[in-house]
Amino acid sequence: MRDMAEKLLEVNQRGLWQSANQKTLDKLQAIALEAEGIIENLEFRI
């Protein structure tokens, strides 16, 4: 999920996804950050 959200954000930054609205981009950013936190917590426990 994190990789997909980050890829969509990257596509938007490159100007290839021009129809993305700010609300969608904000949600994608939140998903990416939350997923990163989960991954870091899992790695810390190992």
PDB file of N, CA and C in Angstrom:
ATOM      1  N   MET A   1       0.827  -1.183   0.000  1.00  0.00           N
ATOM      2  CA  MET A   1       0.000   0.000   0.000  1.00  0.00           C
ATOM      3  C   MET A   1       0.876   1.253   0.000  1.00  0.00           C
ATOM      4  N   ARG A   2       1.924   1.214   0.821  1.00  0.00           N
ATOM      5  CA  ARG A   2       2.830   2.366   0.887  1.00  0.00           C
ATOM      6  C   ARG A   2       3.458   2.651  -0.465  1.00  0.00           C
ATOM      7  N   ASP A   3       3.949   1.600  -1.110  1.00  0.00           N
ATOM      8  CA  ASP A   3       4.606   1.786  -2.405  1.00  0.00           C
ATOM      9  C   ASP A   3       3.647   2.357  -3.444  1.00  0.00           C
ATOM     10  N   MET A   4       2.416   1.884  -3.427  1.00  0.00           N
ATOM     11  CA  MET A   4       1.433   2.378  -4.381  1.00  0.00           C
ATOM     12  C   MET A   4       1.128   3.853  -4.130  1.00  0.00           C
ATOM     13  N   ALA A   5       0.947   4.230  -2.872  1.00  0.00           N
ATOM     14  CA  ALA A   5       0.672   5.629  -2.533  1.00  0.00           C
ATOM     15  C   ALA A   5       1.849   6.516  -2.933  1.00  0.00           C
ATOM     16  N   GLU A   6       3.060   6.067  -2.638  1.00  0.00           N
ATOM     17  CA  GLU A   6       4.245   6.852  -2.994  1.00  0.00           C
ATOM     18  C   GLU A   6       4.394   6.989  -4.505  1.00  0.00           C
ATOM     19  N   LYS A   7       4.075   5.934  -5.242  1.00  0.00           N
ATOM     20  CA  LYS A   7       4.178   5.986  -6.701  1.00  0.00           C
ATOM     21  C   LYS A   7       3.166   6.982  -7.274  1.00  0.00           C
ATOM     22  N   LEU A   8       1.947   6.996  -6.747  1.00  0.00           N
ATOM     23  CA  LEU A   8       0.943   7.956  -7.210  1.00  0.00           C
ATOM     24  C   LEU A   8       1.356   9.387  -6.884  1.00  0.00           C
ATOM     25  N   LEU A   9       1.932   9.600  -5.720  1.00  0.00           N
ATOM     26  CA  LEU A   9       2.419  10.934  -5.369  1.00  0.00           C
ATOM     27  C   LEU A   9       3.548  11.363  -6.303  1.00  0.00           C
ATOM     28  N   GLU A  10       4.416  10.430  -6.642  1.00  0.00           N
ATOM     29  CA  GLU A  10       5.513  10.728  -7.563  1.00  0.00           C
ATOM     30  C   GLU A  10       4.980  11.080  -8.954  1.00  0.00           C
ATOM     31  N   VAL A  11       3.996  10.329  -9.418  1.00  0.00           N
ATOM     32  CA  VAL A  11       3.393  10.602 -10.725  1.00  0.00           C
ATOM     33  C   VAL A  11       2.790  12.002 -10.740  1.00  0.00           C
ATOM     34  N   ASN A  12       2.155  12.372  -9.650  1.00  0.00           N
ATOM     35  CA  ASN A  12       1.583  13.717  -9.560  1.00  0.00           C
ATOM     36  C   ASN A  12       2.680  14.778  -9.594  1.00  0.00           C
ATOM     37  N   GLN A  13       3.763  14.562  -8.859  1.00  0.00           N
ATOM     38  CA  GLN A  13       4.855  15.532  -8.829  1.00  0.00           C
ATOM     39  C   GLN A  13       5.484  15.724 -10.203  1.00  0.00           C
ATOM     40  N   ARG A  14       5.478  14.691 -10.998  1.00  0.00           N
ATOM     41  CA  ARG A  14       6.047  14.775 -12.348  1.00  0.00           C
ATOM     42  C   ARG A  14       5.076  15.410 -13.344  1.00  0.00           C
ATOM     43  N   GLY A  15       3.865  15.709 -12.877  1.00  0.00           N
ATOM     44  CA  GLY A  15       2.886  16.352 -13.746  1.00  0.00           C
ATOM     45  C   GLY A  15       2.136  15.399 -14.655  1.00  0.00           C
ATOM     46  N   LEU A  16       2.225  14.107 -14.360  1.00  0.00           N
ATOM     47  CA  LEU A  16       1.574  13.106 -15.198  1.00  0.00           C
ATOM     48  C   LEU A  16       0.155  12.779 -14.740  1.00  0.00           C
ATOM     49  N   TRP A  17      -0.226  13.245 -13.571  1.00  0.00           N
ATOM     50  CA  TRP A  17      -1.567  13.006 -13.032  1.00  0.00           C
ATOM     51  C   TRP A  17      -2.168  14.365 -12.718  1.00  0.00           C
ATOM     52  N   GLN A  18      -2.663  15.003 -13.735  1.00  0.00           N
ATOM     53  CA  GLN A  18      -3.117  16.381 -13.612  1.00  0.00           C
ATOM     54  C   GLN A  18      -4.499  16.514 -12.991  1.00  0.00           C
ATOM     55  N   SER A  19      -5.281  15.449 -12.969  1.00  0.00           N
ATOM     56  CA  SER A  19      -6.641  15.544 -12.436  1.00  0.00           C
ATOM     57  C   SER A  19      -6.719  15.265 -10.936  1.00  0.00           C
ATOM     58  N   ALA A  20      -5.593  14.992 -10.295  1.00  0.00           N
ATOM     59  CA  ALA A  20      -5.599  14.701  -8.857  1.00  0.00           C
ATOM     60  C   ALA A  20      -5.948  15.959  -8.076  1.00  0.00           C
ATOM     61  N   ASN A  21      -6.887  15.824  -7.141  1.00  0.00           N
ATOM     62  CA  ASN A  21      -7.215  16.983  -6.306  1.00  0.00           C
ATOM     63  C   ASN A  21      -6.424  16.917  -5.001  1.00  0.00           C
ATOM     64  N   GLN A  22      -6.361  18.022  -4.315  1.00  0.00           N
ATOM     65  CA  GLN A  22      -5.536  18.125  -3.110  1.00  0.00           C
ATOM     66  C   GLN A  22      -5.991  17.170  -2.016  1.00  0.00           C
ATOM     67  N   LYS A  23      -7.289  16.943  -1.903  1.00  0.00           N
ATOM     68  CA  LYS A  23      -7.811  16.027  -0.881  1.00  0.00           C
ATOM     69  C   LYS A  23      -7.272  14.610  -1.118  1.00  0.00           C
ATOM     70  N   THR A  24      -7.266  14.183  -2.356  1.00  0.00           N
ATOM     71  CA  THR A  24      -6.739  12.861  -2.701  1.00  0.00           C
ATOM     72  C   THR A  24      -5.248  12.777  -2.406  1.00  0.00           C
ATOM     73  N   LEU A  25      -4.518  13.809  -2.771  1.00  0.00           N
ATOM     74  CA  LEU A  25      -3.076  13.828  -2.515  1.00  0.00           C
ATOM     75  C   LEU A  25      -2.775  13.812  -1.022  1.00  0.00           C
ATOM     76  N   ASP A  26      -3.566  14.544  -0.243  1.00  0.00           N
ATOM     77  CA  ASP A  26      -3.386  14.552   1.211  1.00  0.00           C
ATOM     78  C   ASP A  26      -3.635  13.168   1.797  1.00  0.00           C
ATOM     79  N   LYS A  27      -4.662  12.480   1.309  1.00  0.00           N
ATOM     80  CA  LYS A  27      -4.959  11.129   1.796  1.00  0.00           C
ATOM     81  C   LYS A  27      -3.845  10.153   1.418  1.00  0.00           C
ATOM     82  N   LEU A  28      -3.337  10.278   0.201  1.00  0.00           N
ATOM     83  CA  LEU A  28      -2.232   9.418  -0.216  1.00  0.00           C
ATOM     84  C   LEU A  28      -0.998   9.649   0.643  1.00  0.00           C
ATOM     85  N   GLN A  29      -0.715  10.900   0.963  1.00  0.00           N
ATOM     86  CA  GLN A  29       0.425  11.220   1.823  1.00  0.00           C
ATOM     87  C   GLN A  29       0.233  10.615   3.209  1.00  0.00           C
ATOM     88  N   ALA A  30      -0.986  10.702   3.736  1.00  0.00           N
ATOM     89  CA  ALA A  30      -1.279  10.136   5.053  1.00  0.00           C
ATOM     90  C   ALA A  30      -1.119   8.619   5.036  1.00  0.00           C
ATOM     91  N   ILE A  31      -1.576   7.980   3.982  1.00  0.00           N
ATOM     92  CA  ILE A  31      -1.432   6.526   3.851  1.00  0.00           C
ATOM     93  C   ILE A  31       0.041   6.144   3.820  1.00  0.00           C
ATOM     94  N   ALA A  32       0.822   6.862   3.038  1.00  0.00           N
ATOM     95  CA  ALA A  32       2.251   6.561   2.925  1.00  0.00           C
ATOM     96  C   ALA A  32       2.955   6.722   4.271  1.00  0.00           C
ATOM     97  N   LEU A  33       2.642   7.792   4.976  1.00  0.00           N
ATOM     98  CA  LEU A  33       3.279   8.027   6.277  1.00  0.00           C
ATOM     99  C   LEU A  33       2.854   6.992   7.312  1.00  0.00           C
ATOM    100  N   GLU A  34       1.575   6.648   7.334  1.00  0.00           N
ATOM    101  CA  GLU A  34       1.090   5.649   8.291  1.00  0.00           C
ATOM    102  C   GLU A  34       1.715   4.285   8.004  1.00  0.00           C
ATOM    103  N   ALA A  35       1.772   3.914   6.741  1.00  0.00           N
ATOM    104  CA  ALA A  35       2.368   2.632   6.375  1.00  0.00           C
ATOM    105  C   ALA A  35       3.848   2.596   6.744  1.00  0.00           C
ATOM    106  N   GLU A  36       4.544   3.694   6.532  1.00  0.00           N
ATOM    107  CA  GLU A  36       5.961   3.759   6.893  1.00  0.00           C
ATOM    108  C   GLU A  36       6.146   3.565   8.395  1.00  0.00           C
ATOM    109  N   GLY A  37       5.277   4.171   9.187  1.00  0.00           N
ATOM    110  CA  GLY A  37       5.338   3.999  10.636  1.00  0.00           C
ATOM    111  C   GLY A  37       5.114   2.560  11.050  1.00  0.00           C
ATOM    112  N   ILE A  38       4.166   1.907  10.415  1.00  0.00           N
ATOM    113  CA  ILE A  38       3.890   0.499  10.717  1.00  0.00           C
ATOM    114  C   ILE A  38       5.101  -0.357  10.365  1.00  0.00           C
ATOM    115  N   ILE A  39       5.682  -0.114   9.216  1.00  0.00           N
ATOM    116  CA  ILE A  39       6.854  -0.884   8.779  1.00  0.00           C
ATOM    117  C   ILE A  39       8.021  -0.677   9.738  1.00  0.00           C
ATOM    118  N   GLU A  40       8.250   0.560  10.141  1.00  0.00           N
ATOM    119  CA  GLU A  40       9.345   0.835  11.074  1.00  0.00           C
ATOM    120  C   GLU A  40       9.127   0.133  12.407  1.00  0.00           C
ATOM    121  N   ASN A  41       7.891   0.110  12.895  1.00  0.00           N
ATOM    122  CA  ASN A  41       7.601  -0.579  14.152  1.00  0.00           C
ATOM    123  C   ASN A  41       7.836  -2.073  14.026  1.00  0.00           C
ATOM    124  N   LEU A  42       7.487  -2.651  12.895  1.00  0.00           N
ATOM    125  CA  LEU A  42       7.715  -4.079  12.685  1.00  0.00           C
ATOM    126  C   LEU A  42       9.202  -4.380  12.611  1.00  0.00           C
ATOM    127  N   GLU A  43       9.961  -3.535  11.938  1.00  0.00           N
ATOM    128  CA  GLU A  43      11.401  -3.749  11.827  1.00  0.00           C
ATOM    129  C   GLU A  43      12.083  -3.598  13.180  1.00  0.00           C
ATOM    130  N   PHE A  44      11.586  -2.698  14.004  1.00  0.00           N
ATOM    131  CA  PHE A  44      12.173  -2.468  15.318  1.00  0.00           C
ATOM    132  C   PHE A  44      11.995  -3.684  16.215  1.00  0.00           C
ATOM    133  N   ARG A  45      10.892  -4.401  16.055  1.00  0.00           N
ATOM    134  CA  ARG A  45      10.597  -5.563  16.898  1.00  0.00           C
ATOM    135  C   ARG A  45      11.414  -6.785  16.518  1.00  0.00           C
ATOM    136  N   ILE A  46      11.905  -6.818  15.303  1.00  0.00           N
ATOM    137  CA  ILE A  46      12.624  -8.014  14.829  1.00  0.00           C
ATOM    138  C   ILE A  46      14.016  -8.060  15.405  1.00  0.00           C
TER     139      ILE A  46
END
